[in-house]
Amino acid sequence: DVHMTDIIAGRVRLEQFKGLVACGGFSYGDVLGAGEGWAKSIMFNARVRDEFSAFFARSDSFSLGVCNGCQMMSALKPLIPGAEHWPRFVRNRSEQFEGRFSLVEVLPSPSLFFAGMAGSVMPIAVAHGEGRAEFVDAAAEKSCTHSGVVSLRFVDNRGQPAASYPANPNGSPAGITGLTTGNGRVTILMPHPERV
């Protein structure tokens, strides 16, 4: 385990690693925007920002962001090649924390984490208050959808994209709940596969 304090203090350098997994849970729940507060601790520190930027730019690195980690990496999209059209993750349409099992479908994408899984439909735990994908505009949503970087979406019990609550627990358009970069080396998702 590496904590942000280790990176900020320079005790640990990201160049030592090939993989980075930003976990879920309420580690940054004391700030509005949850994972966005985490991202600000990176973006507002020039040395740390440069270190993360260099890590994401490497051709031999990979990253996964789950829940708070998804929010954090989404807010770091200026540093992540191929993430420019990713959404930010905001308050659920239900205006409440959603903790439940939902169904997701793995979509064809270049994600390293979903290789060989396209078409799989499975139950997965969700536990978030701010999981709704909010794109900057319709063009950004369309770009993500048509370029194949949407890697995971909520589906209903008929396997169709979940458009309504509770099958779509946060109100994300087309049930979008996971994205990757064009090269598949960085993947973000809101639900918690580690809890299933």
N, C-alpha and C. Protein backbone atom coordinates (compact mmCIF):
# COMPACT_ATOMS: atom_id res chain seq x y z
N ASP A 1 0.84 -1.19 0.00
CA ASP A 1 0.00 0.00 0.00
C ASP A 1 0.88 1.24 0.00
N VAL A 2 0.52 2.19 -0.83
CA VAL A 2 1.21 3.46 -0.89
C VAL A 2 0.17 4.54 -0.61
N HIS A 3 0.47 5.42 0.31
CA HIS A 3 -0.44 6.51 0.64
C HIS A 3 0.01 7.79 -0.05
N MET A 4 -0.93 8.69 -0.27
CA MET A 4 -0.59 9.96 -0.90
C MET A 4 0.49 10.70 -0.11
N THR A 5 0.47 10.56 1.20
CA THR A 5 1.50 11.23 2.01
C THR A 5 2.89 10.72 1.65
N ASP A 6 3.00 9.42 1.28
CA ASP A 6 4.29 8.86 0.86
C ASP A 6 4.76 9.51 -0.44
N ILE A 7 3.83 9.71 -1.36
CA ILE A 7 4.18 10.31 -2.66
C ILE A 7 4.49 11.79 -2.50
N ILE A 8 3.65 12.48 -1.74
CA ILE A 8 3.85 13.93 -1.54
C ILE A 8 5.18 14.19 -0.83
N ALA A 9 5.52 13.36 0.16
CA ALA A 9 6.78 13.54 0.89
C ALA A 9 7.99 13.05 0.11
N GLY A 10 7.77 12.33 -0.99
CA GLY A 10 8.87 11.83 -1.79
C GLY A 10 9.48 10.53 -1.28
N ARG A 11 8.82 9.88 -0.30
CA ARG A 11 9.32 8.60 0.21
C ARG A 11 9.14 7.48 -0.82
N VAL A 12 8.13 7.63 -1.69
CA VAL A 12 7.83 6.65 -2.73
C VAL A 12 7.69 7.40 -4.04
N ARG A 13 8.25 6.83 -5.11
CA ARG A 13 8.16 7.43 -6.45
C ARG A 13 7.36 6.49 -7.34
N LEU A 14 6.46 7.04 -8.14
CA LEU A 14 5.65 6.21 -9.03
C LEU A 14 6.49 5.51 -10.09
N GLU A 15 7.67 6.03 -10.38
CA GLU A 15 8.54 5.40 -11.38
C GLU A 15 8.97 4.00 -10.95
N GLN A 16 8.80 3.67 -9.65
CA GLN A 16 9.15 2.34 -9.15
C GLN A 16 8.12 1.29 -9.54
N PHE A 17 6.96 1.71 -10.03
CA PHE A 17 5.84 0.80 -10.25
C PHE A 17 5.40 0.79 -11.70
N LYS A 18 4.79 -0.31 -12.10
CA LYS A 18 4.16 -0.41 -13.42
C LYS A 18 2.65 -0.26 -13.30
N GLY A 19 2.08 -0.66 -12.17
CA GLY A 19 0.63 -0.61 -11.97
C GLY A 19 0.24 0.30 -10.83
N LEU A 20 -0.89 0.97 -11.01
CA LEU A 20 -1.43 1.86 -9.98
C LEU A 20 -2.92 1.55 -9.88
N VAL A 21 -3.38 1.21 -8.69
CA VAL A 21 -4.80 0.98 -8.45
C VAL A 21 -5.24 1.97 -7.38
N ALA A 22 -6.15 2.85 -7.77
CA ALA A 22 -6.72 3.82 -6.83
C ALA A 22 -8.02 3.23 -6.33
N CYS A 23 -8.06 2.94 -5.04
CA CYS A 23 -9.16 2.15 -4.48
C CYS A 23 -10.39 2.99 -4.17
N GLY A 24 -11.45 2.26 -3.90
CA GLY A 24 -12.71 2.87 -3.47
C GLY A 24 -12.76 2.96 -1.96
N GLY A 25 -13.90 3.37 -1.46
CA GLY A 25 -14.07 3.57 -0.02
C GLY A 25 -14.02 5.06 0.27
N PHE A 26 -14.35 5.43 1.49
CA PHE A 26 -14.50 6.84 1.80
C PHE A 26 -13.23 7.46 2.35
N SER A 27 -12.11 7.16 1.71
CA SER A 27 -10.84 7.70 2.18
C SER A 27 -10.78 9.22 2.03
N TYR A 28 -11.55 9.76 1.09
CA TYR A 28 -11.57 11.21 0.91
C TYR A 28 -13.00 11.73 1.03
N GLY A 29 -13.82 11.03 1.82
CA GLY A 29 -15.22 11.40 1.98
C GLY A 29 -15.44 12.66 2.79
N ASP A 30 -14.39 13.22 3.36
CA ASP A 30 -14.56 14.42 4.17
C ASP A 30 -14.51 15.69 3.33
N VAL A 31 -14.33 15.55 2.02
CA VAL A 31 -14.33 16.73 1.15
C VAL A 31 -15.46 16.59 0.14
N LEU A 32 -16.06 17.69 -0.25
CA LEU A 32 -17.10 17.64 -1.26
C LEU A 32 -16.49 17.15 -2.57
N GLY A 33 -17.18 16.24 -3.21
CA GLY A 33 -16.67 15.70 -4.45
C GLY A 33 -15.83 14.46 -4.26
N ALA A 34 -15.67 13.99 -3.04
CA ALA A 34 -14.95 12.76 -2.71
C ALA A 34 -13.63 12.64 -3.46
N GLY A 35 -13.56 11.84 -4.53
CA GLY A 35 -12.32 11.63 -5.26
C GLY A 35 -11.75 12.87 -5.90
N GLU A 36 -12.57 13.89 -6.11
CA GLU A 36 -12.05 15.15 -6.67
C GLU A 36 -11.12 15.84 -5.68
N GLY A 37 -11.38 15.70 -4.39
CA GLY A 37 -10.47 16.23 -3.38
C GLY A 37 -9.12 15.54 -3.44
N TRP A 38 -9.16 14.24 -3.68
CA TRP A 38 -7.95 13.44 -3.84
C TRP A 38 -7.16 13.94 -5.04
N ALA A 39 -7.86 14.17 -6.15
CA ALA A 39 -7.21 14.65 -7.37
C ALA A 39 -6.57 16.02 -7.15
N LYS A 40 -7.19 16.86 -6.36
CA LYS A 40 -6.64 18.20 -6.12
C LYS A 40 -5.31 18.11 -5.37
N SER A 41 -5.16 17.09 -4.51
CA SER A 41 -3.88 16.94 -3.80
C SER A 41 -2.76 16.60 -4.78
N ILE A 42 -3.12 16.13 -5.96
CA ILE A 42 -2.14 15.85 -7.02
C ILE A 42 -1.98 17.07 -7.93
N MET A 43 -3.09 17.60 -8.38
CA MET A 43 -3.05 18.69 -9.37
C MET A 43 -2.45 19.98 -8.81
N PHE A 44 -2.59 20.23 -7.50
CA PHE A 44 -2.11 21.48 -6.92
C PHE A 44 -0.70 21.37 -6.34
N ASN A 45 -0.03 20.25 -6.59
CA ASN A 45 1.35 20.06 -6.17
C ASN A 45 2.16 19.78 -7.44
N ALA A 46 2.94 20.73 -7.89
CA ALA A 46 3.61 20.63 -9.19
C ALA A 46 4.47 19.37 -9.32
N ARG A 47 5.24 19.03 -8.30
CA ARG A 47 6.10 17.86 -8.40
C ARG A 47 5.28 16.59 -8.50
N VAL A 48 4.23 16.48 -7.68
CA VAL A 48 3.39 15.28 -7.68
C VAL A 48 2.60 15.20 -9.00
N ARG A 49 2.10 16.33 -9.47
CA ARG A 49 1.39 16.36 -10.76
C ARG A 49 2.29 15.85 -11.88
N ASP A 50 3.53 16.33 -11.90
CA ASP A 50 4.48 15.89 -12.92
C ASP A 50 4.77 14.40 -12.81
N GLU A 51 4.85 13.91 -11.58
CA GLU A 51 5.12 12.49 -11.36
C GLU A 51 3.97 11.62 -11.89
N PHE A 52 2.73 12.02 -11.59
CA PHE A 52 1.57 11.27 -12.10
C PHE A 52 1.49 11.38 -13.62
N SER A 53 1.75 12.56 -14.16
CA SER A 53 1.72 12.75 -15.61
C SER A 53 2.73 11.84 -16.30
N ALA A 54 3.93 11.76 -15.76
CA ALA A 54 4.97 10.90 -16.33
C ALA A 54 4.57 9.43 -16.23
N PHE A 55 3.92 9.05 -15.13
CA PHE A 55 3.48 7.66 -14.96
C PHE A 55 2.45 7.30 -16.03
N PHE A 56 1.44 8.15 -16.20
CA PHE A 56 0.39 7.86 -17.17
C PHE A 56 0.92 7.88 -18.61
N ALA A 57 1.97 8.64 -18.87
CA ALA A 57 2.52 8.76 -20.22
C ALA A 57 3.40 7.58 -20.60
N ARG A 58 3.84 6.80 -19.63
CA ARG A 58 4.71 5.66 -19.93
C ARG A 58 3.97 4.62 -20.76
N SER A 59 4.69 3.90 -21.59
CA SER A 59 4.08 2.86 -22.42
C SER A 59 4.01 1.52 -21.69
N ASP A 60 4.62 1.43 -20.51
CA ASP A 60 4.62 0.16 -19.78
C ASP A 60 3.85 0.24 -18.46
N SER A 61 3.02 1.28 -18.29
CA SER A 61 2.25 1.41 -17.05
C SER A 61 0.78 1.11 -17.30
N PHE A 62 0.07 0.76 -16.22
CA PHE A 62 -1.38 0.57 -16.30
C PHE A 62 -2.00 1.06 -15.01
N SER A 63 -3.30 1.42 -15.08
CA SER A 63 -3.97 1.97 -13.90
C SER A 63 -5.43 1.53 -13.87
N LEU A 64 -5.95 1.42 -12.66
CA LEU A 64 -7.36 1.12 -12.43
C LEU A 64 -7.85 2.05 -11.33
N GLY A 65 -8.98 2.70 -11.56
CA GLY A 65 -9.61 3.53 -10.54
C GLY A 65 -11.00 3.00 -10.24
N VAL A 66 -11.28 2.72 -8.96
CA VAL A 66 -12.57 2.18 -8.55
C VAL A 66 -13.23 3.16 -7.58
N CYS A 67 -14.47 3.54 -7.85
CA CYS A 67 -15.30 4.40 -7.01
C CYS A 67 -14.60 5.74 -6.72
N ASN A 68 -14.11 5.97 -5.51
CA ASN A 68 -13.37 7.21 -5.25
C ASN A 68 -12.16 7.32 -6.18
N GLY A 69 -11.53 6.19 -6.45
CA GLY A 69 -10.40 6.17 -7.39
C GLY A 69 -10.84 6.50 -8.81
N CYS A 70 -12.05 6.11 -9.17
CA CYS A 70 -12.63 6.46 -10.47
C CYS A 70 -12.82 7.98 -10.55
N GLN A 71 -13.40 8.55 -9.51
CA GLN A 71 -13.60 10.00 -9.47
C GLN A 71 -12.27 10.73 -9.54
N MET A 72 -11.29 10.21 -8.81
CA MET A 72 -9.97 10.83 -8.78
C MET A 72 -9.33 10.81 -10.15
N MET A 73 -9.31 9.64 -10.79
CA MET A 73 -8.67 9.55 -12.11
C MET A 73 -9.43 10.34 -13.16
N SER A 74 -10.74 10.38 -13.05
CA SER A 74 -11.53 11.19 -13.98
C SER A 74 -11.14 12.66 -13.87
N ALA A 75 -10.89 13.11 -12.65
CA ALA A 75 -10.47 14.51 -12.45
C ALA A 75 -9.03 14.74 -12.91
N LEU A 76 -8.26 13.67 -13.06
CA LEU A 76 -6.89 13.77 -13.54
C LEU A 76 -6.80 13.63 -15.06
N LYS A 77 -7.93 13.64 -15.76
CA LYS A 77 -7.91 13.38 -17.20
C LYS A 77 -6.99 14.31 -17.99
N PRO A 78 -6.71 15.54 -17.55
CA PRO A 78 -5.72 16.32 -18.31
C PRO A 78 -4.33 15.69 -18.32
N LEU A 79 -4.06 14.78 -17.37
CA LEU A 79 -2.75 14.13 -17.28
C LEU A 79 -2.72 12.77 -17.97
N ILE A 80 -3.91 12.26 -18.36
CA ILE A 80 -4.01 10.89 -18.87
C ILE A 80 -4.25 10.90 -20.37
N PRO A 81 -3.28 10.48 -21.16
CA PRO A 81 -3.47 10.44 -22.61
C PRO A 81 -4.67 9.57 -23.00
N GLY A 82 -5.56 10.13 -23.80
CA GLY A 82 -6.73 9.40 -24.27
C GLY A 82 -7.94 9.51 -23.38
N ALA A 83 -7.89 10.32 -22.33
CA ALA A 83 -9.01 10.44 -21.39
C ALA A 83 -9.76 11.75 -21.54
N GLU A 84 -9.45 12.53 -22.55
CA GLU A 84 -9.99 13.89 -22.64
C GLU A 84 -11.51 13.98 -22.68
N HIS A 85 -12.21 12.93 -23.13
CA HIS A 85 -13.67 13.00 -23.21
C HIS A 85 -14.37 12.30 -22.04
N TRP A 86 -13.59 11.82 -21.08
CA TRP A 86 -14.20 11.16 -19.92
C TRP A 86 -15.12 12.13 -19.18
N PRO A 87 -16.15 11.58 -18.54
CA PRO A 87 -17.03 12.42 -17.72
C PRO A 87 -16.42 12.67 -16.34
N ARG A 88 -17.04 13.56 -15.60
CA ARG A 88 -16.77 13.62 -14.17
C ARG A 88 -17.92 12.90 -13.49
N PHE A 89 -17.76 12.53 -12.25
CA PHE A 89 -18.78 11.76 -11.55
C PHE A 89 -19.37 12.62 -10.44
N VAL A 90 -20.68 12.84 -10.52
CA VAL A 90 -21.37 13.78 -9.64
C VAL A 90 -22.51 13.08 -8.90
N ARG A 91 -23.20 13.86 -8.09
CA ARG A 91 -24.27 13.36 -7.21
C ARG A 91 -25.28 12.50 -7.97
N ASN A 92 -25.64 11.38 -7.38
CA ASN A 92 -26.65 10.49 -7.95
C ASN A 92 -27.97 11.24 -8.16
N ARG A 93 -28.70 10.88 -9.20
CA ARG A 93 -30.01 11.51 -9.45
C ARG A 93 -30.96 11.27 -8.27
N SER A 94 -30.80 10.16 -7.56
CA SER A 94 -31.66 9.86 -6.41
C SER A 94 -31.39 10.78 -5.23
N GLU A 95 -30.29 11.55 -5.30
CA GLU A 95 -29.89 12.45 -4.21
C GLU A 95 -29.60 11.69 -2.92
N GLN A 96 -29.20 10.43 -3.05
CA GLN A 96 -28.87 9.65 -1.87
C GLN A 96 -27.76 8.66 -2.18
N PHE A 97 -27.16 8.15 -1.13
CA PHE A 97 -26.16 7.10 -1.26
C PHE A 97 -26.87 5.84 -1.76
N GLU A 98 -26.26 5.15 -2.72
CA GLU A 98 -26.82 3.91 -3.25
C GLU A 98 -25.89 2.76 -2.91
N GLY A 99 -26.36 1.84 -2.12
CA GLY A 99 -25.62 0.64 -1.77
C GLY A 99 -26.47 -0.56 -2.11
N ARG A 100 -26.10 -1.31 -3.16
CA ARG A 100 -26.93 -2.43 -3.62
C ARG A 100 -26.12 -3.28 -4.60
N PHE A 101 -26.73 -4.38 -5.02
CA PHE A 101 -26.20 -5.13 -6.16
C PHE A 101 -26.90 -4.62 -7.40
N SER A 102 -26.16 -4.45 -8.46
CA SER A 102 -26.70 -4.07 -9.76
C SER A 102 -26.14 -5.02 -10.80
N LEU A 103 -26.75 -5.02 -11.96
CA LEU A 103 -26.22 -5.81 -13.07
C LEU A 103 -25.41 -4.91 -13.99
N VAL A 104 -24.27 -5.41 -14.43
CA VAL A 104 -23.46 -4.68 -15.41
C VAL A 104 -23.16 -5.59 -16.59
N GLU A 105 -22.93 -4.96 -17.73
CA GLU A 105 -22.50 -5.66 -18.92
C GLU A 105 -21.13 -5.12 -19.31
N VAL A 106 -20.21 -6.03 -19.62
CA VAL A 106 -18.90 -5.65 -20.10
C VAL A 106 -19.01 -5.43 -21.61
N LEU A 107 -18.64 -4.24 -22.06
CA LEU A 107 -18.72 -3.90 -23.47
C LEU A 107 -17.38 -4.13 -24.16
N PRO A 108 -17.38 -4.34 -25.46
CA PRO A 108 -16.11 -4.46 -26.18
C PRO A 108 -15.31 -3.17 -26.02
N SER A 109 -14.10 -3.27 -25.53
CA SER A 109 -13.24 -2.11 -25.35
C SER A 109 -11.80 -2.61 -25.29
N PRO A 110 -10.84 -1.72 -25.40
CA PRO A 110 -9.44 -2.15 -25.30
C PRO A 110 -8.93 -2.33 -23.86
N SER A 111 -9.80 -2.18 -22.86
CA SER A 111 -9.36 -2.26 -21.46
C SER A 111 -8.62 -3.55 -21.15
N LEU A 112 -7.42 -3.40 -20.58
CA LEU A 112 -6.65 -4.57 -20.15
C LEU A 112 -7.40 -5.39 -19.11
N PHE A 113 -8.20 -4.72 -18.30
CA PHE A 113 -8.88 -5.39 -17.20
C PHE A 113 -10.09 -6.20 -17.65
N PHE A 114 -10.62 -5.91 -18.83
CA PHE A 114 -11.80 -6.62 -19.31
C PHE A 114 -11.51 -7.46 -20.55
N ALA A 115 -10.25 -7.73 -20.82
CA ALA A 115 -9.87 -8.52 -22.00
C ALA A 115 -10.57 -9.88 -21.96
N GLY A 116 -11.24 -10.23 -23.05
CA GLY A 116 -11.92 -11.51 -23.15
C GLY A 116 -13.24 -11.59 -22.43
N MET A 117 -13.73 -10.49 -21.86
CA MET A 117 -14.96 -10.53 -21.07
C MET A 117 -16.15 -9.86 -21.76
N ALA A 118 -15.96 -9.29 -22.96
CA ALA A 118 -17.05 -8.58 -23.64
C ALA A 118 -18.28 -9.47 -23.74
N GLY A 119 -19.44 -8.89 -23.42
CA GLY A 119 -20.70 -9.61 -23.44
C GLY A 119 -21.08 -10.22 -22.11
N SER A 120 -20.15 -10.28 -21.17
CA SER A 120 -20.46 -10.81 -19.84
C SER A 120 -21.44 -9.89 -19.12
N VAL A 121 -22.45 -10.49 -18.50
CA VAL A 121 -23.40 -9.76 -17.65
C VAL A 121 -23.30 -10.37 -16.27
N MET A 122 -23.08 -9.53 -15.27
CA MET A 122 -22.84 -10.07 -13.92
C MET A 122 -23.33 -9.10 -12.85
N PRO A 123 -23.64 -9.65 -11.68
CA PRO A 123 -23.99 -8.76 -10.56
C PRO A 123 -22.73 -8.12 -10.01
N ILE A 124 -22.88 -6.90 -9.53
CA ILE A 124 -21.74 -6.19 -8.96
C ILE A 124 -22.24 -5.25 -7.88
N ALA A 125 -21.42 -5.04 -6.86
CA ALA A 125 -21.80 -4.15 -5.76
C ALA A 125 -21.59 -2.70 -6.14
N VAL A 126 -22.56 -1.86 -5.81
CA VAL A 126 -22.38 -0.42 -5.92
C VAL A 126 -22.49 0.16 -4.52
N ALA A 127 -21.72 1.21 -4.27
CA ALA A 127 -21.71 1.87 -2.97
C ALA A 127 -21.19 3.28 -3.19
N HIS A 128 -22.09 4.18 -3.60
CA HIS A 128 -21.64 5.54 -3.88
C HIS A 128 -22.80 6.53 -3.79
N GLY A 129 -22.44 7.75 -3.50
CA GLY A 129 -23.40 8.86 -3.50
C GLY A 129 -23.17 9.78 -4.68
N GLU A 130 -22.00 9.67 -5.29
CA GLU A 130 -21.63 10.55 -6.40
C GLU A 130 -21.08 9.71 -7.55
N GLY A 131 -21.96 8.97 -8.21
CA GLY A 131 -21.53 8.05 -9.25
C GLY A 131 -22.09 8.33 -10.64
N ARG A 132 -22.84 9.41 -10.77
CA ARG A 132 -23.47 9.71 -12.06
C ARG A 132 -22.45 10.33 -13.01
N ALA A 133 -22.27 9.69 -14.17
CA ALA A 133 -21.36 10.20 -15.18
C ALA A 133 -21.97 11.46 -15.80
N GLU A 134 -21.23 12.55 -15.73
CA GLU A 134 -21.68 13.83 -16.31
C GLU A 134 -20.64 14.27 -17.33
N PHE A 135 -21.05 14.20 -18.60
CA PHE A 135 -20.17 14.60 -19.68
C PHE A 135 -20.25 16.11 -19.87
N VAL A 136 -19.17 16.70 -20.36
CA VAL A 136 -19.12 18.14 -20.56
C VAL A 136 -20.18 18.58 -21.58
N ASP A 137 -20.46 17.72 -22.56
CA ASP A 137 -21.52 18.00 -23.54
C ASP A 137 -21.87 16.70 -24.26
N ALA A 138 -22.90 16.76 -25.11
CA ALA A 138 -23.36 15.57 -25.84
C ALA A 138 -22.28 15.04 -26.77
N ALA A 139 -21.44 15.93 -27.31
CA ALA A 139 -20.37 15.50 -28.21
C ALA A 139 -19.35 14.63 -27.48
N ALA A 140 -19.03 14.97 -26.22
CA ALA A 140 -18.08 14.17 -25.44
C ALA A 140 -18.65 12.80 -25.14
N GLU A 141 -19.94 12.75 -24.78
CA GLU A 141 -20.59 11.45 -24.53
C GLU A 141 -20.58 10.60 -25.80
N LYS A 142 -20.93 11.22 -26.91
CA LYS A 142 -20.96 10.51 -28.19
C LYS A 142 -19.56 10.02 -28.58
N SER A 143 -18.56 10.84 -28.33
CA SER A 143 -17.18 10.46 -28.63
C SER A 143 -16.78 9.22 -27.85
N CYS A 144 -17.11 9.19 -26.56
CA CYS A 144 -16.77 8.03 -25.74
C CYS A 144 -17.52 6.78 -26.22
N THR A 145 -18.79 6.94 -26.49
CA THR A 145 -19.61 5.81 -26.91
C THR A 145 -19.14 5.25 -28.25
N HIS A 146 -18.91 6.12 -29.21
CA HIS A 146 -18.56 5.67 -30.56
C HIS A 146 -17.11 5.24 -30.71
N SER A 147 -16.24 5.68 -29.81
CA SER A 147 -14.83 5.31 -29.93
C SER A 147 -14.51 4.00 -29.21
N GLY A 148 -15.50 3.43 -28.53
CA GLY A 148 -15.29 2.15 -27.87
C GLY A 148 -14.58 2.20 -26.54
N VAL A 149 -14.55 3.37 -25.90
CA VAL A 149 -13.87 3.46 -24.60
C VAL A 149 -14.82 3.28 -23.42
N VAL A 150 -16.13 3.14 -23.68
CA VAL A 150 -17.05 2.77 -22.60
C VAL A 150 -16.89 1.27 -22.41
N SER A 151 -16.45 0.86 -21.25
CA SER A 151 -16.12 -0.54 -21.01
C SER A 151 -17.16 -1.27 -20.17
N LEU A 152 -18.01 -0.53 -19.46
CA LEU A 152 -18.97 -1.15 -18.54
C LEU A 152 -20.21 -0.29 -18.46
N ARG A 153 -21.39 -0.95 -18.45
CA ARG A 153 -22.64 -0.21 -18.28
C ARG A 153 -23.61 -1.02 -17.44
N PHE A 154 -24.47 -0.30 -16.73
CA PHE A 154 -25.55 -0.95 -15.99
C PHE A 154 -26.58 -1.45 -16.99
N VAL A 155 -27.11 -2.65 -16.73
CA VAL A 155 -28.18 -3.20 -17.56
C VAL A 155 -29.33 -3.63 -16.66
N ASP A 156 -30.53 -3.74 -17.27
CA ASP A 156 -31.69 -4.20 -16.52
C ASP A 156 -31.74 -5.73 -16.56
N ASN A 157 -32.79 -6.31 -15.98
CA ASN A 157 -32.85 -7.77 -15.89
C ASN A 157 -33.12 -8.44 -17.23
N ARG A 158 -33.33 -7.66 -18.29
CA ARG A 158 -33.46 -8.21 -19.65
C ARG A 158 -32.15 -8.01 -20.43
N GLY A 159 -31.13 -7.45 -19.77
CA GLY A 159 -29.85 -7.24 -20.42
C GLY A 159 -29.79 -6.00 -21.29
N GLN A 160 -30.78 -5.13 -21.16
CA GLN A 160 -30.81 -3.89 -21.93
C GLN A 160 -30.14 -2.77 -21.14
N PRO A 161 -29.54 -1.78 -21.81
CA PRO A 161 -28.94 -0.66 -21.07
C PRO A 161 -29.93 -0.06 -20.09
N ALA A 162 -29.53 0.06 -18.84
CA ALA A 162 -30.42 0.55 -17.78
C ALA A 162 -30.59 2.05 -17.89
N ALA A 163 -31.83 2.47 -18.15
CA ALA A 163 -32.12 3.88 -18.30
C ALA A 163 -32.80 4.46 -17.06
N SER A 164 -33.38 3.59 -16.24
CA SER A 164 -34.15 4.12 -15.10
C SER A 164 -33.72 3.46 -13.80
N TYR A 165 -34.05 4.14 -12.72
CA TYR A 165 -33.76 3.71 -11.36
C TYR A 165 -34.70 2.56 -11.00
N PRO A 166 -34.31 1.56 -10.27
CA PRO A 166 -33.04 1.36 -9.61
C PRO A 166 -32.00 0.56 -10.42
N ALA A 167 -32.39 0.05 -11.60
CA ALA A 167 -31.41 -0.70 -12.40
C ALA A 167 -30.21 0.17 -12.74
N ASN A 168 -30.46 1.46 -12.95
CA ASN A 168 -29.38 2.44 -13.12
C ASN A 168 -29.36 3.24 -11.82
N PRO A 169 -28.51 2.86 -10.87
CA PRO A 169 -28.60 3.43 -9.52
C PRO A 169 -28.20 4.89 -9.41
N ASN A 170 -27.49 5.44 -10.40
CA ASN A 170 -27.04 6.82 -10.26
C ASN A 170 -27.54 7.77 -11.33
N GLY A 171 -28.18 7.26 -12.38
CA GLY A 171 -28.72 8.13 -13.42
C GLY A 171 -27.76 8.45 -14.54
N SER A 172 -26.67 7.70 -14.67
CA SER A 172 -25.71 7.95 -15.75
C SER A 172 -26.36 7.69 -17.10
N PRO A 173 -26.03 8.52 -18.11
CA PRO A 173 -26.62 8.31 -19.43
C PRO A 173 -26.23 6.94 -19.99
N ALA A 174 -27.22 6.25 -20.56
CA ALA A 174 -27.02 4.93 -21.16
C ALA A 174 -26.42 3.92 -20.18
N GLY A 175 -26.53 4.19 -18.87
CA GLY A 175 -26.01 3.29 -17.85
C GLY A 175 -24.49 3.24 -17.76
N ILE A 176 -23.80 4.21 -18.37
CA ILE A 176 -22.33 4.19 -18.40
C ILE A 176 -21.77 4.21 -16.98
N THR A 177 -20.91 3.23 -16.70
CA THR A 177 -20.31 3.18 -15.37
C THR A 177 -18.85 2.75 -15.37
N GLY A 178 -18.26 2.59 -16.55
CA GLY A 178 -16.84 2.27 -16.65
C GLY A 178 -16.30 2.72 -17.99
N LEU A 179 -15.10 3.29 -17.98
CA LEU A 179 -14.46 3.77 -19.21
C LEU A 179 -12.99 3.39 -19.19
N THR A 180 -12.40 3.43 -20.36
CA THR A 180 -10.97 3.17 -20.49
C THR A 180 -10.38 4.18 -21.47
N THR A 181 -9.10 4.11 -21.66
CA THR A 181 -8.44 4.95 -22.66
C THR A 181 -8.35 4.15 -23.96
N GLY A 182 -8.01 4.83 -25.04
CA GLY A 182 -7.93 4.17 -26.33
C GLY A 182 -6.93 3.02 -26.37
N ASN A 183 -5.89 3.12 -25.56
CA ASN A 183 -4.90 2.03 -25.53
C ASN A 183 -5.22 0.99 -24.45
N GLY A 184 -6.28 1.22 -23.68
CA GLY A 184 -6.75 0.25 -22.69
C GLY A 184 -5.93 0.15 -21.42
N ARG A 185 -4.92 1.02 -21.26
CA ARG A 185 -4.03 0.90 -20.10
C ARG A 185 -4.55 1.59 -18.85
N VAL A 186 -5.55 2.48 -19.00
CA VAL A 186 -6.14 3.14 -17.83
C VAL A 186 -7.65 2.88 -17.88
N THR A 187 -8.19 2.29 -16.83
CA THR A 187 -9.61 1.97 -16.75
C THR A 187 -10.16 2.54 -15.46
N ILE A 188 -11.35 3.13 -15.56
CA ILE A 188 -12.04 3.63 -14.37
C ILE A 188 -13.44 3.02 -14.33
N LEU A 189 -13.91 2.71 -13.13
CA LEU A 189 -15.27 2.21 -12.99
C LEU A 189 -15.82 2.59 -11.63
N MET A 190 -17.13 2.82 -11.60
CA MET A 190 -17.77 3.24 -10.37
C MET A 190 -18.14 2.08 -9.46
N PRO A 191 -18.66 0.96 -9.97
CA PRO A 191 -18.98 -0.12 -9.03
C PRO A 191 -17.74 -0.79 -8.46
N HIS A 192 -17.97 -1.69 -7.51
CA HIS A 192 -16.89 -2.31 -6.73
C HIS A 192 -16.71 -3.78 -7.05
N PRO A 193 -15.90 -4.14 -8.05
CA PRO A 193 -15.71 -5.57 -8.33
C PRO A 193 -15.03 -6.31 -7.18
N GLU A 194 -14.25 -5.58 -6.38
CA GLU A 194 -13.53 -6.24 -5.29
C GLU A 194 -14.45 -6.67 -4.16
N ARG A 195 -15.72 -6.23 -4.19
CA ARG A 195 -16.66 -6.61 -3.13
C ARG A 195 -17.54 -7.79 -3.54
N VAL A 196 -17.32 -8.36 -4.72
CA VAL A 196 -18.16 -9.46 -5.19
C VAL A 196 -17.33 -10.74 -5.22
